[in-house]
Amino acid sequence: MRRVVVTGIGLVSPLAYGVDHSWKKLINSESGIGKIQLCRSDDLACQIAGEVPESKDEDAASRGLLNLDSMIEPKNQRKMGRFIAHAIAASEEAVADSGWKAIDREAQERTGVLIGAGIGGLDNIYENAVALHEKGPRRVSPYFIISSLINEASGNVSIRHGFRGPNHSVVTACSTGAHAIGDAARLIQLDDADVMLAGGTEACVGRLGMSGFSAIRALSTKYNDDPTAGSRPWDEGRDGFVMGEGAGVLVLEELEHAKKRGAKIYCEVSGYGLSGDAYHVTAPAEDGDGAYRAMKGALRSAKLNVEDIDYINAHGTSTPKGDMIEITAIKKLFENKLDGFSMSSTKSSTGHLLGAAGAVEAIFCIKALQNQIVPPTLNLYNPSEGTEGIDLVPLKAKERKIKATLSNSFGFGGTNASLIFTEFK
């Protein structure tokens, strides 16, 4: 089987625009969560979210702020949903970081794109539905459909860079980003492509998205006056997740292809496991069986044992039940090896980016490997009963030896994905 390595990474997060800016804030225990600015929120049950910091200034990128006008003409931004713009911005950084240029036709046909989203253009659907209801069908935007379709994220990136290989998308709720990376890696392993841009994107901070998740009591409501305290995985004070926005994109490349062009190699995509709970449309199986089998599958495909894993980036959304179900699965899998790894939830800093979460957290795993630093779990002051024996990296980042990382993503509908990244040998 062909080996797959990571040669480029790009990130749009509530912490910052750009991988290095986001990583610096993450390991400095900073939070990207604040009061909602993108829409009216005073009547919403949850009034906090992780929004992408933006600016129109020319030096915005150097300060970790997203300036979409520097990448996409304003008239073209009106033709795409915000989730598509996030995917383009993350892809720009990832492609530049990789140094890959598909100059000739053969290279273009061997380079593909696989970027997914959990919900996609929800705001566009909301705005056009309101326009239709209040003003009639003539007021529906001609760009409504193309700005809302989830696969248009991959489509726009493909067109922008001239990548003519597999043009695909994944929609598996909060597992989307991880599934996209794992599926893209398999396309390379199966010789359908030599290079793939893979990841997830999301932009659901709006009145409809916030109201919908509040209606099923998924969002935090206790910390509207203290936004940075809202996302608190495994802490007794947690009461739901905090919505976040952004995108994460990786450039995946067949090993020999990367070596031949002298590419910088971050790490190897060594393992990918996926499973279904067959249990409930929103709640994970209470015994953690789906998560357990996804992690076990990733270990099997990586040909690793549990003692080889040094860091786990947990799904850890800050929901009362979900956090402990993942702990149950971890304890079942690692048994008497619980003291051999550290585990944190970076959602405590970014909020939950839904379909983008798995890709963003994969990048954090890669940076942990690169820097030998484990990011912290913020707001973990009073760990829940049952978390004993696991290093959850409370409050502050820590240095430790890392050779292999595991990233978990679990979604509504009982869909689970786990990825393993290892140091390149």
Protein backbone atom coordinates (compact mmCIF):
# COMPACT_ATOMS: atom_id res chain seq x y z
CA MET A 1 0.00 0.00 0.00
CA ARG A 2 1.29 3.46 -0.92
CA ARG A 3 2.33 5.62 2.05
CA VAL A 4 0.73 9.03 2.61
CA VAL A 5 2.42 12.03 4.22
CA VAL A 6 1.34 15.57 5.11
CA THR A 7 3.25 18.28 3.22
CA GLY A 8 1.07 21.35 3.83
CA ILE A 9 -1.42 22.68 6.37
CA GLY A 10 -3.80 25.65 6.42
CA LEU A 11 -6.09 26.89 9.16
CA VAL A 12 -8.91 29.34 9.75
CA SER A 13 -9.99 29.19 13.39
CA PRO A 14 -11.67 31.24 16.11
CA LEU A 15 -8.19 31.71 17.59
CA ALA A 16 -6.68 33.26 14.46
CA TYR A 17 -6.19 33.01 10.73
CA GLY A 18 -3.15 30.90 9.98
CA VAL A 19 -1.60 27.80 11.51
CA ASP A 20 1.22 29.48 13.43
CA HIS A 21 -0.96 32.25 14.88
CA SER A 22 -3.61 29.75 15.97
CA TRP A 23 -1.07 27.33 17.44
CA LYS A 24 0.69 30.05 19.43
CA LYS A 25 -2.57 31.14 21.03
CA LEU A 26 -3.63 27.56 21.65
CA ILE A 27 -0.52 26.58 23.59
CA ASN A 28 -0.64 29.89 25.46
CA SER A 29 -4.05 28.82 26.83
CA GLU A 30 -5.96 31.56 25.00
CA SER A 31 -9.59 31.25 23.97
CA GLY A 32 -11.27 32.23 20.71
CA ILE A 33 -14.76 32.28 22.21
CA GLY A 34 -16.69 35.50 22.76
CA LYS A 35 -20.07 37.19 22.47
CA ILE A 36 -21.74 36.58 19.11
CA GLN A 37 -21.15 39.41 16.64
CA LEU A 38 -22.34 37.82 13.38
CA CYS A 39 -26.04 38.09 14.18
CA ARG A 40 -28.49 39.38 16.73
CA SER A 41 -28.20 37.17 19.80
CA ASP A 42 -29.88 38.92 22.73
CA ASP A 43 -32.93 36.64 22.45
CA LEU A 44 -30.95 33.44 21.88
CA ALA A 45 -30.51 30.88 24.64
CA CYS A 46 -26.80 30.65 23.79
CA GLN A 47 -25.19 34.01 23.06
CA ILE A 48 -21.53 32.96 22.72
CA ALA A 49 -19.53 31.37 19.91
CA GLY A 50 -16.10 30.98 18.39
CA GLU A 51 -16.06 33.42 15.46
CA VAL A 52 -13.16 33.86 13.05
CA PRO A 53 -11.28 37.15 13.75
CA GLU A 54 -11.36 39.31 10.61
CA SER A 55 -10.03 42.64 9.40
CA LYS A 56 -9.91 44.62 6.14
CA ASP A 57 -6.43 45.96 6.92
CA GLU A 58 -3.64 45.15 4.48
CA ASP A 59 -1.50 43.67 7.26
CA ALA A 60 -4.36 41.55 8.64
CA ALA A 61 -2.74 38.17 7.89
CA SER A 62 0.48 39.12 9.67
CA ARG A 63 -1.59 39.74 12.79
CA GLY A 64 -3.55 36.51 12.52
CA LEU A 65 -6.69 38.16 11.15
CA LEU A 66 -8.60 36.97 8.09
CA ASN A 67 -8.94 39.46 5.23
CA LEU A 68 -11.08 37.72 2.64
CA ASP A 69 -10.85 40.69 0.30
CA SER A 70 -7.15 39.96 -0.17
CA MET A 71 -8.02 36.49 -1.55
CA ILE A 72 -11.49 36.74 -3.04
CA GLU A 73 -12.99 39.72 -4.86
CA PRO A 74 -15.96 41.12 -2.91
CA LYS A 75 -18.30 40.53 -5.87
CA ASN A 76 -17.30 36.86 -5.88
CA GLN A 77 -17.75 36.57 -2.12
CA ARG A 78 -21.43 37.34 -2.69
CA LYS A 79 -21.65 34.21 -4.83
CA MET A 80 -20.48 31.84 -2.11
CA GLY A 81 -21.39 30.90 1.43
CA ARG A 82 -19.05 31.85 4.26
CA PHE A 83 -18.10 28.20 4.68
CA ILE A 84 -16.77 28.17 1.09
CA ALA A 85 -14.72 31.31 1.73
CA HIS A 86 -13.22 29.68 4.84
CA ALA A 87 -12.26 26.62 2.79
CA ILE A 88 -10.58 28.80 0.16
CA ALA A 89 -8.62 30.72 2.79
CA ALA A 90 -7.40 27.55 4.53
CA SER A 91 -6.52 25.98 1.18
CA GLU A 92 -4.49 29.01 0.13
CA GLU A 93 -2.29 28.65 3.19
CA ALA A 94 -2.02 24.87 2.84
CA VAL A 95 -1.04 24.96 -0.84
CA ALA A 96 1.50 27.72 -0.27
CA ASP A 97 2.93 25.83 2.70
CA SER A 98 3.32 22.65 0.66
CA GLY A 99 5.10 24.33 -2.24
CA TRP A 100 3.16 22.11 -4.64
CA LYS A 101 2.36 23.55 -8.06
CA ALA A 102 0.46 21.40 -10.54
CA ILE A 103 1.89 23.03 -13.63
CA ASP A 104 1.23 20.50 -16.38
CA ARG A 105 -1.91 18.59 -17.27
CA GLU A 106 -0.69 15.29 -15.82
CA ALA A 107 0.09 16.89 -12.45
CA GLN A 108 -3.30 18.61 -12.44
CA GLU A 109 -5.09 15.33 -13.12
CA ARG A 110 -3.19 13.63 -10.30
CA THR A 111 -4.14 16.33 -7.76
CA GLY A 112 -7.59 16.28 -6.17
CA VAL A 113 -9.72 18.02 -3.56
CA LEU A 114 -11.87 16.49 -0.82
CA ILE A 115 -13.31 19.10 1.53
CA GLY A 116 -16.53 18.54 3.44
CA ALA A 117 -18.89 20.36 5.78
CA GLY A 118 -21.44 19.22 8.29
CA ILE A 119 -24.19 21.66 7.33
CA GLY A 120 -22.77 24.03 4.70
CA GLY A 121 -24.63 27.17 3.64
CA LEU A 122 -27.16 27.31 6.45
CA ASP A 123 -27.22 31.12 6.58
CA ASN A 124 -27.87 31.30 2.83
CA ILE A 125 -30.76 28.87 3.18
CA TYR A 126 -32.19 30.93 6.04
CA GLU A 127 -31.82 34.30 4.29
CA ASN A 128 -33.31 33.10 1.01
CA ALA A 129 -36.19 31.34 2.75
CA VAL A 130 -37.03 34.59 4.54
CA ALA A 131 -36.77 36.53 1.26
CA LEU A 132 -39.06 34.05 -0.47
CA HIS A 133 -41.61 34.19 2.34
CA GLU A 134 -41.63 37.98 2.73
CA LYS A 135 -40.98 39.23 -0.82
CA GLY A 136 -41.71 36.39 -3.21
CA PRO A 137 -39.72 34.12 -5.54
CA ARG A 138 -38.13 36.94 -7.54
CA ARG A 139 -36.12 37.95 -4.48
CA VAL A 140 -34.37 34.59 -4.16
CA SER A 141 -30.72 35.04 -5.07
CA PRO A 142 -29.47 33.44 -8.31
CA TYR A 143 -26.45 32.41 -6.25
CA PHE A 144 -28.53 30.70 -3.56
CA ILE A 145 -27.93 27.13 -4.69
CA ILE A 146 -24.24 27.41 -5.57
CA SER A 147 -23.52 29.26 -2.32
CA SER A 148 -25.19 26.58 -0.22
CA LEU A 149 -24.11 23.23 -1.70
CA ILE A 150 -21.49 21.56 0.47
CA ASN A 151 -19.44 20.18 -2.44
CA GLU A 152 -18.99 23.73 -3.76
CA ALA A 153 -16.19 24.13 -1.22
CA SER A 154 -14.20 21.46 -3.05
CA GLY A 155 -15.43 22.79 -6.37
CA ASN A 156 -14.24 26.34 -5.77
CA VAL A 157 -10.83 25.22 -4.50
CA SER A 158 -10.45 22.86 -7.45
CA ILE A 159 -11.26 25.60 -9.97
CA ARG A 160 -9.06 28.14 -8.23
CA HIS A 161 -5.96 25.93 -8.41
CA GLY A 162 -6.71 23.95 -11.55
CA PHE A 163 -6.74 20.61 -9.73
CA ARG A 164 -8.45 18.12 -12.05
CA GLY A 165 -8.12 14.93 -9.99
CA PRO A 166 -10.81 13.49 -7.67
CA ASN A 167 -13.28 16.27 -6.80
CA HIS A 168 -15.20 14.91 -3.86
CA SER A 169 -16.90 15.89 -0.61
CA VAL A 170 -17.89 14.34 2.71
CA VAL A 171 -20.93 15.11 4.88
CA THR A 172 -20.85 13.20 8.17
CA ALA A 173 -21.83 15.82 10.74
CA CYS A 174 -19.05 16.43 13.27
CA SER A 175 -16.91 13.60 11.87
CA THR A 176 -16.70 15.27 8.45
CA GLY A 177 -13.18 16.72 8.64
CA ALA A 178 -11.66 13.48 9.89
CA HIS A 179 -13.51 11.37 7.33
CA ALA A 180 -12.39 13.72 4.56
CA ILE A 181 -8.74 13.31 5.52
CA GLY A 182 -9.01 9.55 5.93
CA ASP A 183 -10.90 9.07 2.66
CA ALA A 184 -8.48 11.33 0.76
CA ALA A 185 -5.53 9.37 2.13
CA ARG A 186 -7.13 6.17 0.84
CA LEU A 187 -7.57 7.70 -2.62
CA ILE A 188 -3.81 8.23 -2.66
CA GLN A 189 -3.13 4.76 -1.29
CA LEU A 190 -5.29 3.28 -4.06
CA ASP A 191 -3.43 5.31 -6.72
CA ASP A 192 -6.38 7.49 -7.69
CA ALA A 193 -4.26 10.57 -6.98
CA ASP A 194 -0.75 11.58 -5.93
CA VAL A 195 -1.78 14.75 -4.06
CA MET A 196 -5.05 15.59 -2.27
CA LEU A 197 -6.24 18.72 -0.51
CA ALA A 198 -8.41 17.39 2.30
CA GLY A 199 -10.29 18.81 5.26
CA GLY A 200 -13.45 20.37 6.58
CA THR A 201 -15.10 23.77 6.76
CA GLU A 202 -18.08 25.28 8.55
CA ALA A 203 -19.90 28.56 9.18
CA CYS A 204 -23.07 28.05 11.19
CA VAL A 205 -22.98 30.90 13.70
CA GLY A 206 -26.30 32.52 12.80
CA ARG A 207 -29.81 32.75 14.16
CA LEU A 208 -31.04 29.55 12.54
CA GLY A 209 -28.03 27.41 13.45
CA MET A 210 -27.85 28.69 17.02
CA SER A 211 -31.60 28.28 17.51
CA GLY A 212 -31.61 24.78 16.04
CA PHE A 213 -28.85 23.44 18.27
CA SER A 214 -30.35 25.23 21.28
CA ALA A 215 -33.70 23.57 20.60
CA ILE A 216 -32.13 20.14 21.14
CA ARG A 217 -30.33 21.46 24.23
CA ALA A 218 -26.89 20.84 22.78
CA LEU A 219 -25.43 24.31 23.42
CA SER A 220 -24.07 25.87 26.59
CA THR A 221 -26.40 28.45 28.14
CA LYS A 222 -24.84 29.10 31.58
CA TYR A 223 -21.88 31.18 30.46
CA ASN A 224 -23.35 33.97 28.34
CA ASP A 225 -21.77 36.52 30.69
CA ASP A 226 -18.42 34.68 30.76
CA PRO A 227 -17.85 33.45 27.19
CA THR A 228 -14.34 32.03 27.57
CA ALA A 229 -15.60 29.74 30.35
CA GLY A 230 -18.34 28.20 28.21
CA SER A 231 -16.42 25.32 26.65
CA ARG A 232 -15.18 23.10 29.49
CA PRO A 233 -14.76 19.45 28.48
CA TRP A 234 -14.82 16.93 31.36
CA ASP A 235 -15.39 19.69 33.93
CA GLU A 236 -18.33 19.27 36.31
CA GLY A 237 -19.59 22.71 35.30
CA ARG A 238 -20.10 21.88 31.62
CA ASP A 239 -23.60 22.25 30.19
CA GLY A 240 -23.21 21.91 26.43
CA PHE A 241 -20.91 22.79 23.57
CA VAL A 242 -20.02 26.21 22.16
CA MET A 243 -20.40 26.67 18.39
CA GLY A 244 -17.31 27.61 16.40
CA GLU A 245 -16.47 28.44 12.80
CA GLY A 246 -13.51 27.98 10.48
CA ALA A 247 -11.73 25.47 8.27
CA GLY A 248 -8.75 23.14 8.28
CA VAL A 249 -7.09 21.85 5.11
CA LEU A 250 -4.18 19.42 4.73
CA VAL A 251 -2.10 18.70 1.66
CA LEU A 252 -1.71 14.92 1.58
CA GLU A 253 0.88 13.43 -0.72
CA GLU A 254 2.16 10.04 -1.76
CA LEU A 255 5.52 9.56 -0.05
CA GLU A 256 7.71 8.97 -3.11
CA HIS A 257 6.05 11.88 -4.93
CA ALA A 258 6.84 14.16 -1.99
CA LYS A 259 10.43 12.93 -1.70
CA LYS A 260 11.06 13.32 -5.42
CA ARG A 261 10.25 17.02 -5.33
CA GLY A 262 12.04 17.59 -2.03
CA ALA A 263 8.88 18.53 -0.12
CA LYS A 264 8.85 19.34 3.57
CA ILE A 265 7.19 16.40 5.34
CA TYR A 266 5.35 17.07 8.59
CA CYS A 267 4.32 13.51 9.41
CA GLU A 268 2.71 10.38 8.06
CA VAL A 269 -1.00 9.58 7.96
CA SER A 270 -0.65 6.12 9.44
CA GLY A 271 -4.08 5.08 10.64
CA TYR A 272 -7.76 5.61 9.84
CA GLY A 273 -10.69 3.93 11.54
CA LEU A 274 -14.41 4.50 11.10
CA SER A 275 -17.56 2.98 12.53
CA GLY A 276 -21.29 3.41 13.09
CA ASP A 277 -23.12 3.25 16.42
CA ALA A 278 -26.48 2.07 15.00
CA TYR A 279 -27.95 3.47 18.20
CA HIS A 280 -29.48 6.98 18.13
CA VAL A 281 -29.74 9.98 15.79
CA THR A 282 -27.94 12.34 18.18
CA ALA A 283 -26.64 10.49 21.24
CA PRO A 284 -23.60 8.19 21.05
CA ALA A 285 -23.93 4.62 22.26
CA GLU A 286 -23.62 4.79 26.03
CA ASP A 287 -21.02 2.03 26.23
CA GLY A 288 -18.76 3.93 23.82
CA ASP A 289 -18.64 0.95 21.46
CA GLY A 290 -18.64 3.01 18.26
CA ALA A 291 -15.79 5.21 19.42
CA TYR A 292 -13.91 2.16 20.67
CA ARG A 293 -14.16 0.40 17.31
CA ALA A 294 -13.13 3.52 15.35
CA MET A 295 -9.99 3.93 17.48
CA LYS A 296 -9.25 0.21 17.31
CA GLY A 297 -9.60 0.32 13.53
CA ALA A 298 -7.18 3.24 13.30
CA LEU A 299 -4.63 1.34 15.40
CA ARG A 300 -5.07 -1.75 13.24
CA SER A 301 -4.52 0.13 9.97
CA ALA A 302 -1.49 1.91 11.48
CA LYS A 303 -0.11 -1.42 12.74
CA LEU A 304 0.34 0.16 16.19
CA ASN A 305 -0.50 -0.86 19.74
CA VAL A 306 -2.16 1.30 22.37
CA GLU A 307 1.18 1.90 24.11
CA ASP A 308 2.46 3.58 20.93
CA ILE A 309 0.02 6.48 21.26
CA ASP A 310 1.46 9.50 23.08
CA TYR A 311 -1.28 12.11 22.60
CA ILE A 312 -5.01 11.98 21.95
CA ASN A 313 -6.94 14.99 20.70
CA ALA A 314 -10.34 14.00 22.04
CA HIS A 315 -13.70 14.75 20.49
CA GLY A 316 -14.48 16.26 23.92
CA THR A 317 -17.25 18.72 23.05
CA SER A 318 -18.19 19.77 26.62
CA THR A 319 -21.55 17.97 26.68
CA PRO A 320 -22.50 16.25 29.95
CA LYS A 321 -22.99 12.76 28.51
CA GLY A 322 -20.78 12.75 25.43
CA ASP A 323 -17.55 13.58 27.25
CA MET A 324 -17.86 10.66 29.61
CA ILE A 325 -18.88 8.20 26.89
CA GLU A 326 -15.61 8.97 25.13
CA ILE A 327 -13.76 8.43 28.42
CA THR A 328 -15.49 5.03 28.70
CA ALA A 329 -14.27 4.08 25.22
CA ILE A 330 -10.73 5.28 25.98
CA LYS A 331 -10.59 3.23 29.19
CA LYS A 332 -11.90 0.15 27.43
CA LEU A 333 -9.29 0.41 24.68
CA PHE A 334 -6.25 1.44 26.70
CA GLU A 335 -7.08 -0.54 29.86
CA ASN A 336 -3.91 -0.59 32.00
CA LYS A 337 -2.01 1.75 29.65
CA LEU A 338 -3.84 4.93 30.70
CA ASP A 339 -0.68 6.46 32.12
CA GLY A 340 1.13 6.21 28.78
CA PHE A 341 -0.50 9.17 27.00
CA SER A 342 -1.87 12.67 27.43
CA MET A 343 -5.32 13.67 26.18
CA SER A 344 -6.82 17.11 25.75
CA SER A 345 -9.76 18.76 24.06
CA THR A 346 -8.80 21.81 22.02
CA LYS A 347 -12.51 22.58 21.67
CA SER A 348 -12.07 24.24 25.06
CA SER A 349 -10.19 26.98 23.15
CA THR A 350 -11.97 27.02 19.79
CA GLY A 351 -15.46 25.80 20.49
CA HIS A 352 -16.92 23.02 18.35
CA LEU A 353 -16.41 23.64 14.62
CA LEU A 354 -18.83 20.88 13.58
CA GLY A 355 -17.75 19.62 10.14
CA ALA A 356 -14.45 21.48 10.35
CA ALA A 357 -13.54 20.17 13.80
CA GLY A 358 -11.83 16.95 12.74
CA ALA A 359 -9.57 18.74 10.24
CA VAL A 360 -8.68 21.60 12.59
CA GLU A 361 -7.88 19.14 15.37
CA ALA A 362 -5.83 16.98 12.99
CA ILE A 363 -3.67 20.05 12.38
CA PHE A 364 -3.28 20.54 16.13
CA CYS A 365 -2.13 16.92 16.37
CA ILE A 366 0.42 17.55 13.63
CA LYS A 367 1.72 20.67 15.39
CA ALA A 368 1.95 18.71 18.64
CA LEU A 369 4.13 16.15 16.84
CA GLN A 370 6.23 18.88 15.28
CA ASN A 371 6.80 20.83 18.49
CA GLN A 372 6.60 18.03 21.09
CA ILE A 373 4.02 20.05 23.02
CA VAL A 374 0.56 18.91 24.10
CA PRO A 375 -2.12 21.65 23.96
CA PRO A 376 -4.21 22.19 27.09
CA THR A 377 -7.82 21.62 28.09
CA LEU A 378 -9.07 25.00 29.29
CA ASN A 379 -11.56 25.47 32.14
CA LEU A 380 -10.85 22.04 33.61
CA TYR A 381 -10.96 22.92 37.31
CA ASN A 382 -13.20 20.16 38.65
CA PRO A 383 -12.85 16.96 36.57
CA SER A 384 -15.86 14.66 36.48
CA GLU A 385 -15.83 11.41 38.39
CA GLY A 386 -14.53 8.68 36.11
CA THR A 387 -11.72 10.69 34.53
CA GLU A 388 -9.20 9.55 37.14
CA GLY A 389 -6.00 8.04 35.81
CA ILE A 390 -5.96 10.02 32.55
CA ASP A 391 -3.75 13.08 31.99
CA LEU A 392 -6.28 15.58 30.59
CA VAL A 393 -3.68 18.40 30.43
CA PRO A 394 -5.69 20.89 32.50
CA LEU A 395 -5.25 24.62 31.90
CA LYS A 396 -1.66 24.69 30.59
CA ALA A 397 0.20 23.09 27.68
CA LYS A 398 2.94 20.63 28.53
CA GLU A 399 6.06 19.34 26.84
CA ARG A 400 6.38 15.61 26.34
CA LYS A 401 7.81 13.10 23.89
CA ILE A 402 5.35 12.49 21.05
CA LYS A 403 5.81 9.97 18.27
CA ALA A 404 2.17 9.16 17.49
CA THR A 405 -1.08 11.08 17.91
CA LEU A 406 -4.70 9.97 17.73
CA SER A 407 -7.53 12.35 16.79
CA ASN A 408 -11.18 11.47 17.47
CA SER A 409 -14.31 12.83 15.79
CA PHE A 410 -17.84 11.60 16.46
CA GLY A 411 -21.04 12.90 14.87
CA PHE A 412 -24.83 12.87 14.94
CA GLY A 413 -26.26 9.77 13.35
CA GLY A 414 -23.69 7.64 15.16
CA THR A 415 -20.82 8.26 12.74
CA ASN A 416 -17.28 7.95 14.12
CA ALA A 417 -13.78 8.53 12.76
CA SER A 418 -10.29 8.28 14.23
CA LEU A 419 -7.01 9.33 12.62
CA ILE A 420 -3.44 8.49 13.61
CA PHE A 421 -0.49 10.67 12.64
CA THR A 422 3.07 9.49 13.29
CA GLU A 423 6.49 11.04 13.00
CA PHE A 424 7.92 10.44 9.55
CA LYS A 425 10.62 7.81 9.33
